[in-house]
Amino acid sequence: MSIKTFKARTLPEALAMVRRELGPEATVLHARHYNRGWWGRLTGSHQVEIAARLEERVESEFDYRSKYRDDFKNRVTAQLDELEAKVEALQTCATATSTHRLPPAYFSAYTWLIDADIQQDVARELVAEARDALGDAADRHTVRHDIQQSIEQSFRTSGPIQVGRGRLVALIGPTGVGKTTTIAKLAANFRLRDRRRVGLITVDTYRVAAVEQLRTYADIIDLPMEVVSTPDELSQAMQRLGGLDLILMDTAGRSPRDEVKVKELNTLLASVRPHEVHLVLSATVGAKNLLTTMDNFRPVRPTSLLVTKLDEAISLGHLVSAARRSELPLSYLTHGQNVPDDIAVADAERLTQSVLMEPKIQELGA
């Protein structure tokens, strides 16, 4: 591992130097401003200093393998969660039938929900609510229709992002959920389809590759872009972009268990007070992880949930659990890597159908 220091007049220039010498996979350790000698102290001019490192090849390959190992682990965990839920559900059903004897229509509905990967406690709630409303004499079709309506009502939606002069919208969330790609999709649609004046801000200076990725999108779509690292720089960037119809802000991924990083993110956002804060979640993780992430990001006060990678998810039933346990509405759903496609405003009816009937995920954006 080698650590090098780079100095330049501005942060973008310093990041460009890091990228040229160490490559896009370099990690920024810290960045600071300092005055240049007596003349700098007299005039107030300053330079930016960045310390960055590049892991040795063996470590880089290990990180590369770790990325895909983590992805595989997430998929296996989701499958195990699904099997565990079904086993628990069958055990619960056995107990329930021996004591309460569910009518056939409700027992059928319960197993239907478990097969859709809905957590067994939520499935019990849905069945109990339907039974209270319809009574024991209801037929199978009526019971399922009532439950489907309840699930649809659970998926509250916020509609698309609102635009207006100086409107700031921030995307936050854990690492690896696709925030940067999602911002590119949103920016491209608002710029090319809706003909809005859009600007980009990134504070994800921890990963040089992330800055370069967003800058590439900005160049292709022909959008102004600001790279910032401090609340003061963020406020200045907002002043420069304040005349636009929409400003989309990309933030560095934060582990939901890292309270210090979450607090730093909260302080950063508080300096500019975004009009909307979308918590980005991946559909590839299980219900427990979704609920934990939502709870740990609560101090940042998100205004809506944006769910990505629906095309990679084994099933979508765990989204019902997240929706029923969260007070936040759904804003957008993404289902692929294509920019500006593979994103759609969240639609409760279509999402419910996807959970229960398993159509092709691409139909969500149709």
Protein backbone atom coordinates (compact mmCIF):
# COMPACT_ATOMS: atom_id res chain seq x y z
CA MET A 1 0.00 0.00 0.00
CA SER A 2 1.40 3.44 -0.97
CA ILE A 3 0.19 6.81 0.31
CA LYS A 4 0.84 9.96 -1.68
CA THR A 5 0.00 13.61 -1.20
CA PHE A 6 -1.31 15.85 -3.98
CA LYS A 7 -1.65 19.65 -3.92
CA ALA A 8 -3.64 21.87 -6.26
CA ARG A 9 -5.66 25.09 -6.34
CA THR A 10 -9.04 23.34 -6.28
CA LEU A 11 -10.46 19.99 -5.21
CA PRO A 12 -11.34 18.88 -8.78
CA GLU A 13 -7.77 19.60 -9.89
CA ALA A 14 -6.37 17.59 -6.98
CA LEU A 15 -8.70 14.69 -7.72
CA ALA A 16 -7.62 14.76 -11.36
CA MET A 17 -4.00 14.46 -10.24
CA VAL A 18 -4.91 11.47 -8.06
CA ARG A 19 -6.73 9.85 -10.97
CA ARG A 20 -3.83 10.38 -13.39
CA GLU A 21 -1.15 9.00 -11.08
CA LEU A 22 -2.95 6.33 -9.02
CA GLY A 23 -5.91 5.50 -11.25
CA PRO A 24 -9.68 5.58 -10.67
CA GLU A 25 -9.58 2.92 -7.93
CA ALA A 26 -7.53 5.08 -5.57
CA THR A 27 -8.98 5.81 -2.12
CA VAL A 28 -8.93 9.38 -0.76
CA LEU A 29 -7.81 9.33 2.88
CA HIS A 30 -8.35 13.00 3.66
CA ALA A 31 -8.58 16.44 2.04
CA ARG A 32 -7.82 19.82 3.60
CA HIS A 33 -7.41 23.47 2.68
CA TYR A 34 -4.36 25.45 3.77
CA ASN A 35 -2.90 28.93 3.12
CA ARG A 36 0.21 29.16 0.94
CA GLY A 37 2.82 30.90 3.12
CA TRP A 38 2.74 34.53 4.16
CA TRP A 39 1.20 35.64 0.86
CA GLY A 40 -1.64 33.15 1.25
CA ARG A 41 -2.33 34.33 4.79
CA LEU A 42 -2.33 37.91 3.59
CA THR A 43 -4.59 37.42 0.58
CA GLY A 44 -6.76 34.58 1.89
CA SER A 45 -5.89 32.35 -1.07
CA HIS A 46 -5.46 28.66 -0.36
CA GLN A 47 -4.58 25.30 -1.83
CA VAL A 48 -6.17 21.89 -1.49
CA GLU A 49 -4.13 18.96 -0.22
CA ILE A 50 -5.31 15.38 -0.71
CA ALA A 51 -3.77 12.23 0.69
CA ALA A 52 -4.62 9.14 -1.35
CA ARG A 53 -3.54 5.56 -1.47
CA LEU A 54 -3.58 2.67 -3.91
CA GLU A 55 -3.70 -0.85 -2.56
CA GLU A 56 -1.11 -3.30 -3.81
CA ARG A 57 -2.19 -5.67 -6.55
CA VAL A 58 -2.70 -8.58 -4.15
CA GLU A 59 -4.94 -6.43 -1.93
CA SER A 60 -6.83 -5.05 -4.94
CA GLU A 61 -7.55 -8.53 -6.19
CA PHE A 62 -8.70 -9.46 -2.72
CA ASP A 63 -11.04 -6.47 -2.66
CA TYR A 64 -12.28 -7.44 -6.14
CA ARG A 65 -13.05 -10.94 -4.98
CA SER A 66 -14.58 -9.61 -1.78
CA LYS A 67 -17.04 -7.50 -3.75
CA TYR A 68 -18.42 -10.50 -5.57
CA ARG A 69 -18.21 -12.66 -2.45
CA ASP A 70 -20.33 -10.09 -0.62
CA ASP A 71 -22.81 -10.05 -3.48
CA PHE A 72 -23.01 -13.84 -3.41
CA LYS A 73 -23.38 -13.75 0.36
CA ASN A 74 -26.29 -11.31 0.08
CA ARG A 75 -28.03 -13.60 -2.39
CA VAL A 76 -27.48 -16.67 -0.21
CA THR A 77 -28.67 -14.76 2.86
CA ALA A 78 -31.83 -13.75 1.04
CA GLN A 79 -32.46 -17.38 0.04
CA LEU A 80 -31.87 -18.56 3.61
CA ASP A 81 -34.23 -15.88 4.90
CA GLU A 82 -36.83 -17.17 2.46
CA LEU A 83 -36.40 -20.79 3.58
CA GLU A 84 -36.43 -19.79 7.22
CA ALA A 85 -39.64 -17.82 6.73
CA LYS A 86 -41.31 -20.77 5.04
CA VAL A 87 -40.25 -23.21 7.76
CA GLU A 88 -41.47 -20.87 10.48
CA ALA A 89 -44.70 -20.34 8.57
CA LEU A 90 -45.36 -24.06 8.28
CA GLN A 91 -44.68 -24.48 11.99
CA THR A 92 -47.00 -21.60 12.79
CA CYS A 93 -49.67 -22.98 10.49
CA ALA A 94 -49.46 -26.37 12.17
CA THR A 95 -49.98 -24.78 15.55
CA ALA A 96 -52.75 -22.53 14.27
CA THR A 97 -54.69 -25.32 12.63
CA SER A 98 -54.52 -27.46 15.73
CA THR A 99 -55.89 -24.72 17.97
CA HIS A 100 -57.82 -22.22 15.88
CA ARG A 101 -58.42 -24.19 12.68
CA LEU A 102 -58.16 -21.56 9.93
CA PRO A 103 -60.93 -21.83 7.32
CA PRO A 104 -59.60 -23.26 4.02
CA ALA A 105 -59.80 -19.92 2.16
CA TYR A 106 -57.60 -18.21 4.77
CA PHE A 107 -55.17 -21.12 5.08
CA SER A 108 -54.76 -21.03 1.29
CA ALA A 109 -54.18 -17.26 1.39
CA TYR A 110 -51.58 -17.67 4.12
CA THR A 111 -49.51 -20.21 2.16
CA TRP A 112 -49.92 -18.02 -0.95
CA LEU A 113 -48.32 -15.11 0.92
CA ILE A 114 -45.49 -17.27 2.27
CA ASP A 115 -44.77 -18.54 -1.25
CA ALA A 116 -44.49 -14.87 -2.30
CA ASP A 117 -41.67 -14.48 0.28
CA ILE A 118 -43.71 -12.28 2.61
CA GLN A 119 -42.51 -12.61 6.20
CA GLN A 120 -44.69 -14.94 8.24
CA ASP A 121 -45.60 -12.34 10.87
CA VAL A 122 -46.78 -9.96 8.14
CA ALA A 123 -48.63 -12.80 6.42
CA ARG A 124 -50.45 -13.55 9.67
CA GLU A 125 -51.37 -9.89 10.03
CA LEU A 126 -52.77 -9.72 6.50
CA VAL A 127 -54.80 -12.91 6.95
CA ALA A 128 -56.13 -11.78 10.32
CA GLU A 129 -57.14 -8.39 8.92
CA ALA A 130 -58.98 -10.05 6.03
CA ARG A 131 -60.73 -12.49 8.36
CA ASP A 132 -61.88 -9.68 10.65
CA ALA A 133 -63.25 -7.77 7.68
CA LEU A 134 -64.85 -10.64 5.74
CA GLY A 135 -65.70 -13.34 8.27
CA ASP A 136 -65.18 -17.10 8.02
CA ALA A 137 -67.66 -17.64 5.18
CA ALA A 138 -65.66 -15.67 2.57
CA ASP A 139 -64.48 -17.62 -0.45
CA ARG A 140 -60.88 -17.99 -1.64
CA HIS A 141 -61.18 -15.37 -4.39
CA THR A 142 -62.69 -12.74 -2.08
CA VAL A 143 -60.04 -13.32 0.59
CA ARG A 144 -57.15 -13.01 -1.87
CA HIS A 145 -58.64 -9.90 -3.44
CA ASP A 146 -58.97 -8.24 -0.01
CA ILE A 147 -55.38 -9.12 0.91
CA GLN A 148 -54.10 -7.85 -2.42
CA GLN A 149 -55.86 -4.53 -1.78
CA SER A 150 -54.27 -4.34 1.68
CA ILE A 151 -50.80 -4.90 0.24
CA GLU A 152 -51.39 -2.27 -2.41
CA GLN A 153 -52.40 0.22 0.28
CA SER A 154 -49.19 -0.61 2.14
CA PHE A 155 -47.17 0.65 -0.81
CA ARG A 156 -47.71 4.37 -0.33
CA THR A 157 -46.05 6.38 -3.10
CA SER A 158 -44.78 9.95 -3.32
CA GLY A 159 -44.91 10.47 -7.08
CA PRO A 160 -41.99 11.86 -9.11
CA ILE A 161 -39.44 14.40 -7.90
CA GLN A 162 -40.78 17.93 -7.89
CA VAL A 163 -38.85 20.58 -9.82
CA GLY A 164 -38.52 24.32 -9.32
CA ARG A 165 -35.88 27.01 -9.12
CA GLY A 166 -33.06 25.86 -6.85
CA ARG A 167 -34.78 22.56 -5.98
CA LEU A 168 -32.21 20.31 -4.25
CA VAL A 169 -32.73 16.55 -4.07
CA ALA A 170 -30.21 14.31 -2.28
CA LEU A 171 -29.73 10.55 -2.56
CA ILE A 172 -28.37 8.75 0.50
CA GLY A 173 -27.89 5.13 1.45
CA PRO A 174 -25.45 2.27 2.05
CA THR A 175 -22.56 1.47 -0.24
CA GLY A 176 -23.23 -0.51 -3.39
CA VAL A 177 -26.95 0.22 -3.78
CA GLY A 178 -26.55 2.15 -7.06
CA LYS A 179 -26.93 5.81 -6.03
CA THR A 180 -24.63 7.21 -8.72
CA THR A 181 -26.24 5.25 -11.56
CA THR A 182 -29.71 6.20 -10.28
CA ILE A 183 -28.78 9.89 -10.22
CA ALA A 184 -27.59 9.59 -13.82
CA LYS A 185 -30.94 8.06 -14.81
CA LEU A 186 -32.90 10.80 -13.06
CA ALA A 187 -30.72 13.56 -14.51
CA ALA A 188 -30.97 12.19 -18.04
CA ASN A 189 -34.76 11.89 -17.89
CA PHE A 190 -35.32 15.36 -16.46
CA ARG A 191 -32.83 16.93 -18.88
CA LEU A 192 -33.60 15.06 -22.10
CA ARG A 193 -37.25 14.11 -21.68
CA ASP A 194 -38.63 16.99 -19.61
CA ARG A 195 -36.21 19.67 -20.90
CA ARG A 196 -35.37 20.85 -17.40
CA ARG A 197 -32.17 22.64 -16.40
CA VAL A 198 -30.38 20.13 -14.20
CA GLY A 199 -27.14 20.30 -12.22
CA LEU A 200 -25.16 17.67 -10.31
CA ILE A 201 -23.27 17.81 -7.03
CA THR A 202 -21.17 14.97 -5.66
CA VAL A 203 -19.73 14.75 -2.17
CA ASP A 204 -18.54 11.18 -2.77
CA THR A 205 -14.85 12.14 -2.83
CA TYR A 206 -13.92 9.01 -0.92
CA ARG A 207 -13.93 7.10 -4.19
CA VAL A 208 -12.20 8.73 -7.14
CA ALA A 209 -13.95 6.26 -9.47
CA ALA A 210 -17.36 7.48 -8.28
CA VAL A 211 -16.49 11.09 -9.12
CA GLU A 212 -15.21 10.06 -12.53
CA GLN A 213 -18.34 7.99 -13.21
CA LEU A 214 -20.68 10.88 -12.45
CA ARG A 215 -18.51 13.32 -14.40
CA THR A 216 -18.72 11.03 -17.44
CA TYR A 217 -22.52 11.08 -17.23
CA ALA A 218 -22.48 14.86 -16.76
CA ASP A 219 -20.36 15.32 -19.88
CA ILE A 220 -22.56 13.04 -21.96
CA ILE A 221 -25.80 14.71 -20.86
CA ASP A 222 -24.15 18.17 -20.92
CA LEU A 223 -24.81 19.09 -17.28
CA PRO A 224 -22.89 21.35 -14.89
CA MET A 225 -21.27 19.39 -12.07
CA GLU A 226 -19.70 20.44 -8.76
CA VAL A 227 -17.35 18.32 -6.62
CA VAL A 228 -17.33 19.29 -2.95
CA SER A 229 -15.95 17.91 0.29
CA THR A 230 -17.07 20.31 3.04
CA PRO A 231 -20.31 22.05 4.08
CA ASP A 232 -18.84 25.41 3.03
CA GLU A 233 -17.99 24.13 -0.44
CA LEU A 234 -21.46 22.62 -0.69
CA SER A 235 -23.09 25.95 0.14
CA GLN A 236 -20.94 27.71 -2.47
CA ALA A 237 -21.84 25.09 -5.09
CA MET A 238 -25.51 25.61 -4.31
CA GLN A 239 -25.11 29.34 -4.92
CA ARG A 240 -23.57 28.66 -8.33
CA LEU A 241 -26.28 26.18 -9.33
CA GLY A 242 -29.17 27.84 -7.56
CA GLY A 243 -30.75 29.16 -10.75
CA LEU A 244 -31.38 25.68 -12.16
CA ASP A 245 -34.68 23.79 -12.07
CA LEU A 246 -33.24 20.75 -10.28
CA ILE A 247 -30.00 19.95 -8.47
CA LEU A 248 -29.29 16.27 -7.78
CA MET A 249 -26.75 15.47 -5.06
CA ASP A 250 -24.81 12.21 -4.85
CA THR A 251 -23.44 11.26 -1.43
CA ALA A 252 -20.85 8.73 -0.35
CA GLY A 253 -22.20 5.36 0.73
CA ARG A 254 -22.44 5.04 4.49
CA SER A 255 -22.66 1.85 6.50
CA PRO A 256 -25.96 2.07 8.38
CA ARG A 257 -24.14 0.72 11.45
CA ASP A 258 -21.54 3.50 11.41
CA GLU A 259 -23.21 6.11 13.60
CA VAL A 260 -20.34 8.59 13.18
CA LYS A 261 -20.58 8.55 9.38
CA VAL A 262 -24.36 8.86 9.50
CA LYS A 263 -24.02 11.88 11.79
CA GLU A 264 -21.49 13.43 9.39
CA LEU A 265 -23.97 12.95 6.57
CA ASN A 266 -26.69 14.58 8.64
CA THR A 267 -24.46 17.60 9.34
CA LEU A 268 -23.62 17.93 5.65
CA LEU A 269 -27.24 17.86 4.55
CA ALA A 270 -28.31 20.23 7.31
CA SER A 271 -26.00 22.89 5.84
CA VAL A 272 -28.11 23.12 2.67
CA ARG A 273 -31.48 21.62 3.73
CA PRO A 274 -32.47 19.56 0.68
CA HIS A 275 -36.11 19.72 -0.39
CA GLU A 276 -36.16 15.93 -0.80
CA VAL A 277 -33.93 13.19 0.62
CA HIS A 278 -34.34 9.76 -0.98
CA LEU A 279 -33.01 6.78 0.97
CA VAL A 280 -31.77 4.31 -1.66
CA LEU A 281 -32.21 0.62 -0.81
CA SER A 282 -31.34 -2.52 -2.77
CA ALA A 283 -34.07 -5.08 -3.39
CA THR A 284 -31.43 -7.84 -3.25
CA VAL A 285 -31.16 -7.77 0.56
CA GLY A 286 -33.63 -9.38 2.94
CA ALA A 287 -36.38 -7.79 4.98
CA LYS A 288 -34.31 -7.67 8.17
CA ASN A 289 -31.51 -5.75 6.45
CA LEU A 290 -33.98 -3.32 4.87
CA LEU A 291 -35.63 -2.59 8.21
CA THR A 292 -32.28 -2.16 9.97
CA THR A 293 -31.02 0.22 7.29
CA MET A 294 -34.18 2.33 7.43
CA ASP A 295 -33.97 2.54 11.20
CA ASN A 296 -30.28 3.50 11.27
CA PHE A 297 -30.69 6.22 8.62
CA ARG A 298 -33.66 7.72 10.45
CA PRO A 299 -31.52 10.54 12.01
CA VAL A 300 -30.87 11.90 8.50
CA ARG A 301 -34.65 12.37 8.09
CA PRO A 302 -35.22 10.89 4.59
CA THR A 303 -38.45 11.87 2.89
CA SER A 304 -38.94 8.78 0.71
CA LEU A 305 -37.55 5.38 -0.24
CA LEU A 306 -36.03 4.57 -3.64
CA VAL A 307 -35.57 0.85 -4.32
CA THR A 308 -32.97 -0.38 -6.83
CA LYS A 309 -31.95 -3.68 -8.47
CA LEU A 310 -35.42 -5.21 -8.69
CA ASP A 311 -34.17 -7.22 -11.67
CA GLU A 312 -31.55 -8.90 -9.46
CA ALA A 313 -33.90 -9.78 -6.59
CA ILE A 314 -34.96 -13.40 -6.08
CA SER A 315 -38.41 -12.21 -5.00
CA LEU A 316 -40.06 -8.98 -3.83
CA GLY A 317 -42.21 -10.11 -0.92
CA HIS A 318 -39.82 -8.60 1.61
CA LEU A 319 -40.73 -5.16 0.26
CA VAL A 320 -44.18 -5.62 1.78
CA SER A 321 -42.64 -5.98 5.23
CA ALA A 322 -40.52 -2.87 4.68
CA ALA A 323 -43.49 -0.85 3.43
CA ARG A 324 -45.74 -1.82 6.34
CA ARG A 325 -43.04 -1.04 8.91
CA SER A 326 -41.96 2.27 7.35
CA GLU A 327 -43.69 5.64 7.41
CA LEU A 328 -41.90 6.68 4.21
CA PRO A 329 -43.48 6.49 0.74
CA LEU A 330 -41.82 4.92 -2.29
CA SER A 331 -40.57 7.33 -4.96
CA TYR A 332 -38.82 5.34 -7.72
CA LEU A 333 -37.95 1.76 -8.64
CA THR A 334 -35.00 0.74 -10.80
CA HIS A 335 -34.65 -2.55 -12.63
CA GLY A 336 -31.39 -2.51 -14.58
CA GLN A 337 -28.20 -0.59 -15.38
CA ASN A 338 -29.29 1.16 -18.58
CA VAL A 339 -29.20 4.97 -18.50
CA PRO A 340 -31.65 6.72 -18.87
CA ASP A 341 -33.93 3.68 -18.97
CA ASP A 342 -34.63 1.03 -16.31
CA ILE A 343 -36.24 3.43 -13.84
CA ALA A 344 -39.89 4.14 -13.13
CA VAL A 345 -41.97 6.18 -10.72
CA ALA A 346 -43.21 3.78 -8.05
CA ASP A 347 -46.69 2.45 -8.81
CA ALA A 348 -48.44 0.59 -5.97
CA GLU A 349 -50.70 -1.51 -8.19
CA ARG A 350 -47.92 -2.75 -10.48
CA LEU A 351 -45.58 -3.42 -7.57
CA THR A 352 -48.26 -5.45 -5.77
CA GLN A 353 -48.81 -7.51 -8.91
CA SER A 354 -45.06 -8.10 -9.14
CA VAL A 355 -44.95 -9.28 -5.53
CA LEU A 356 -47.87 -11.69 -5.81
CA MET A 357 -48.01 -12.71 -9.46
CA GLU A 358 -44.31 -12.48 -10.39
CA PRO A 359 -44.48 -10.90 -13.86
CA LYS A 360 -41.25 -9.83 -15.53
CA ILE A 361 -39.70 -7.02 -13.52
CA GLN A 362 -39.30 -4.95 -16.69
CA GLU A 363 -43.06 -4.54 -16.82
CA LEU A 364 -42.84 -2.16 -13.85
CA GLY A 365 -41.41 0.48 -16.15
CA ALA A 366 -43.79 -0.16 -19.03
